[in-house]
Protein backbone atom coordinates (compact mmCIF):
# COMPACT_ATOMS: atom_id res chain seq x y z
CA MET A 1 1.80 -13.06 15.56
CA PHE A 2 3.03 -16.01 13.55
CA ASP A 3 6.77 -15.43 13.59
CA VAL A 4 9.48 -12.79 13.35
CA GLN A 5 12.44 -13.15 11.02
CA LEU A 6 15.56 -11.06 10.63
CA GLY A 7 15.80 -9.26 7.29
CA ARG A 8 13.56 -8.01 4.52
CA SER A 9 15.22 -9.38 1.41
CA GLU A 10 14.41 -12.69 -0.22
CA ALA A 11 17.95 -13.88 0.49
CA ALA A 12 17.40 -13.28 4.22
CA LEU A 13 13.97 -14.93 4.23
CA HIS A 14 14.59 -17.69 1.66
CA ARG A 15 15.31 -20.54 4.09
CA PHE A 16 12.42 -19.66 6.39
CA LEU A 17 9.96 -19.39 3.49
CA ASP A 18 11.18 -22.59 1.83
CA GLU A 19 10.54 -24.52 5.05
CA LEU A 20 7.23 -22.83 5.87
CA ALA A 21 4.55 -25.52 6.15
CA GLY A 22 1.12 -24.96 4.59
CA LYS A 23 2.09 -22.01 2.41
CA GLU A 24 0.39 -23.65 -0.58
CA HIS A 25 -2.94 -23.08 1.21
CA THR A 26 -2.48 -19.30 1.39
CA ARG A 27 -5.12 -17.70 -0.84
CA VAL A 28 -4.72 -13.93 -0.31
CA VAL A 29 -1.70 -11.82 0.62
CA CYS A 30 -2.09 -8.10 1.22
CA ILE A 31 1.10 -6.09 0.80
CA ASP A 32 2.33 -2.55 0.37
CA LEU A 33 3.63 -1.55 -3.05
CA SER A 34 7.02 -3.22 -2.68
CA GLU A 35 8.40 -4.96 -5.77
CA THR A 36 10.60 -7.09 -3.49
CA TYR A 37 7.66 -8.36 -1.46
CA ARG A 38 5.59 -8.97 -4.59
CA ALA A 39 8.39 -11.12 -6.04
CA ILE A 40 8.71 -13.02 -2.75
CA VAL A 41 4.96 -13.70 -2.60
CA LYS A 42 4.84 -14.85 -6.23
CA ARG A 43 7.76 -17.22 -5.70
CA HIS A 44 6.89 -18.67 -2.29
CA PHE A 45 3.07 -18.44 -2.28
CA PRO A 46 2.17 -19.46 -5.85
CA ASN A 47 -1.54 -20.02 -5.09
CA ALA A 48 -2.00 -16.66 -3.35
CA MET A 49 -3.73 -13.69 -4.88
CA ILE A 50 -1.90 -10.42 -4.16
CA VAL A 51 -4.04 -7.48 -3.02
CA ALA A 52 -2.61 -3.96 -2.70
CA ASP A 53 -2.99 -2.41 0.73
CA ARG A 54 -5.36 0.56 0.42
CA PHE A 55 -3.45 2.76 2.88
CA HIS A 56 -0.22 2.44 0.90
CA VAL A 57 -1.92 3.10 -2.44
CA ILE A 58 -3.58 6.26 -1.11
CA ARG A 59 -0.31 7.35 0.50
CA LEU A 60 1.43 6.92 -2.87
CA VAL A 61 -1.02 9.33 -4.48
CA GLY A 62 -0.77 11.83 -1.61
CA HIS A 63 -2.82 12.85 1.35
CA LYS A 64 -5.74 15.18 0.91
CA PRO A 65 -5.62 18.22 3.17
CA THR A 66 -8.36 17.67 5.69
CA ASN A 67 -10.03 19.85 8.29
CA LEU A 68 -9.29 23.06 6.40
CA GLU A 69 -11.07 26.07 7.80
CA PRO A 70 -13.32 27.90 5.29
CA GLU A 71 -10.75 30.71 5.05
CA GLN A 72 -7.99 28.18 4.28
CA GLN A 73 -10.15 26.56 1.61
CA LEU A 74 -10.68 29.97 -0.01
CA ARG A 75 -6.95 30.67 -0.01
CA LEU A 76 -6.25 27.24 -1.52
CA ARG A 77 -8.79 27.85 -4.31
CA ALA A 78 -7.35 31.35 -4.90
CA TYR A 79 -3.90 29.81 -5.25
CA PHE A 80 -5.28 27.35 -7.81
CA VAL A 81 -6.78 30.26 -9.78
CA GLU A 82 -3.33 31.89 -9.88
CA HIS A 83 -1.65 28.57 -10.73
CA PRO A 84 -4.14 26.61 -12.85
CA MET A 85 -1.66 23.80 -13.60
CA VAL A 86 -1.28 23.06 -9.88
CA GLY A 87 -5.06 23.19 -9.45
CA ALA A 88 -5.58 20.75 -12.32
CA VAL A 89 -3.01 18.34 -10.87
CA TYR A 90 -4.59 18.64 -7.42
CA ASP A 91 -8.06 17.91 -8.81
CA GLN A 92 -6.75 14.93 -10.78
CA LEU A 93 -5.05 13.46 -7.70
CA GLN A 94 -8.26 13.93 -5.71
CA ARG A 95 -10.11 11.92 -8.37
CA VAL A 96 -7.51 9.14 -8.05
CA MET A 97 -7.86 9.12 -4.27
CA LEU A 98 -11.66 9.00 -4.44
CA LEU A 99 -11.38 6.01 -6.75
CA MET A 100 -8.91 4.25 -4.44
CA ARG A 101 -11.12 4.70 -1.38
CA ASN A 102 -13.88 2.46 -2.75
CA LYS A 103 -14.41 -0.71 -0.72
CA HIS A 104 -16.64 -3.79 -0.83
CA GLN A 105 -17.44 -3.39 -4.53
CA THR A 106 -19.41 -5.85 -6.63
CA ALA A 107 -17.86 -7.35 -9.76
CA LYS A 108 -19.92 -4.95 -11.88
CA GLU A 109 -18.78 -1.93 -9.87
CA CYS A 110 -15.16 -3.12 -10.16
CA ARG A 111 -15.44 -3.21 -13.96
CA TRP A 112 -16.54 0.46 -13.92
CA HIS A 113 -13.67 1.35 -11.56
CA ILE A 114 -11.18 -0.41 -13.82
CA ARG A 115 -12.32 1.59 -16.86
CA HIS A 116 -12.12 4.79 -14.81
CA PHE A 117 -8.68 3.77 -13.47
CA ILE A 118 -7.33 3.17 -17.00
CA ARG A 119 -8.63 6.58 -18.13
CA ILE A 120 -6.99 8.33 -15.16
CA VAL A 121 -3.65 6.55 -15.67
CA ASN A 122 -3.66 7.58 -19.33
CA GLU A 123 -4.37 11.19 -18.33
CA LEU A 124 -1.47 11.08 -15.85
CA ARG A 125 0.82 9.73 -18.59
CA GLU A 126 -0.09 12.69 -20.81
CA ALA A 127 0.33 15.29 -18.07
CA PRO A 128 3.19 17.78 -18.52
CA MET A 129 4.87 16.81 -15.22
CA PRO A 130 7.42 13.95 -14.93
CA ALA A 131 6.30 13.16 -11.37
CA LEU A 132 2.83 12.32 -12.71
CA HIS A 133 4.38 10.06 -15.36
CA SER A 134 6.16 8.18 -12.56
CA LEU A 135 2.91 7.90 -10.58
CA ALA A 136 1.12 6.57 -13.68
CA ALA A 137 3.85 3.97 -14.24
CA THR A 138 3.63 2.76 -10.63
CA LEU A 139 -0.18 2.60 -10.65
CA TRP A 140 -0.11 0.73 -13.95
CA SER A 141 2.46 -1.82 -12.77
CA TRP A 142 0.22 -2.55 -9.74
CA ARG A 143 -3.09 -2.44 -11.66
CA ASP A 144 -4.13 -6.05 -10.93
CA GLU A 145 -3.39 -5.77 -7.21
CA ILE A 146 -5.17 -2.41 -7.03
CA ALA A 147 -8.23 -3.79 -8.84
CA ARG A 148 -8.40 -6.63 -6.29
CA MET A 149 -8.29 -4.02 -3.54
CA TRP A 150 -11.78 -2.80 -4.52
CA ARG A 151 -13.29 -6.27 -4.31
CA PHE A 152 -11.55 -7.62 -1.23
CA THR A 153 -11.54 -6.09 2.21
CA LYS A 154 -8.07 -7.35 3.10
CA SER A 155 -5.64 -4.94 4.69
CA ASN A 156 -2.24 -5.26 6.32
CA ALA A 157 -3.32 -2.94 9.14
CA ILE A 158 -2.80 -5.71 11.73
CA THR A 159 0.74 -6.27 10.49
CA GLU A 160 1.44 -2.53 10.57
CA GLY A 161 0.10 -2.34 14.14
CA LEU A 162 2.26 -5.27 15.23
CA HIS A 163 5.26 -3.65 13.59
CA ASN A 164 4.67 -0.47 15.61
CA LYS A 165 4.46 -2.50 18.83
CA MET A 166 7.67 -4.33 17.90
CA GLU A 167 9.42 -0.98 17.47
CA VAL A 168 8.27 0.01 20.97
CA ILE A 169 9.82 -3.19 22.37
CA SER A 170 13.06 -2.42 20.58
CA ARG A 171 13.12 1.19 21.83
CA ARG A 172 12.43 0.11 25.42
CA ALA A 173 15.37 -2.27 25.26
CA TYR A 174 17.55 0.42 23.65
CA GLY A 175 17.96 -2.02 20.77
CA PHE A 176 18.59 -5.74 21.00
CA ARG A 177 22.06 -7.16 20.54
CA ASN A 178 20.71 -10.67 20.14
CA PHE A 179 17.95 -11.12 17.56
CA GLN A 180 16.75 -14.39 19.11
CA ASN A 181 16.05 -12.63 22.42
CA TYR A 182 14.11 -9.95 20.57
CA ARG A 183 12.17 -12.60 18.59
CA LEU A 184 11.26 -14.48 21.79
CA ARG A 185 10.15 -11.26 23.47
CA VAL A 186 7.89 -10.32 20.52
CA ARG A 187 6.39 -13.81 20.28
CA ALA A 188 5.80 -13.95 24.05
CA LEU A 189 3.96 -10.61 24.04
CA TYR A 190 2.03 -10.89 20.77
CA GLY A 191 2.16 -14.56 19.70
């Protein structure tokens, strides 16, 4: 744990980030798909490469039903036969998720993934459902950060885990009235 600051907006974090020593040496920042955080990283960490966090990208696309019993799988496929549009969308989203799950890729493999990614985004843009157009727009606006995700193994899993632990501290204390006491408690336990 490096530090804990109150707030999530750039206005709340501006002073802390302006005074942060050594930020010019930061090379990689892994973030969820937050436009606010991306703008903060670009402004305050100009030498850092932004990598999309794989968990958040996959969550954006949607979770794949797992551990379905054979009977459940049959019913799902029967539903798709009755509703072919839903089945086509489901299959397309599964292709996107398979693509996003790739890790530790070589530069050559990344080039193939990028071509495949562009093709999928274009298909989503042409789909007859507005929700898929929105998904395509989001994926396209994060295309560079998503492409870096295949090459780099960075994740913000540690940050997410610390955040969960911090929430436990807050719940145990029934909330903190004084942020500085909360900050000291977090840093003492996880710093």
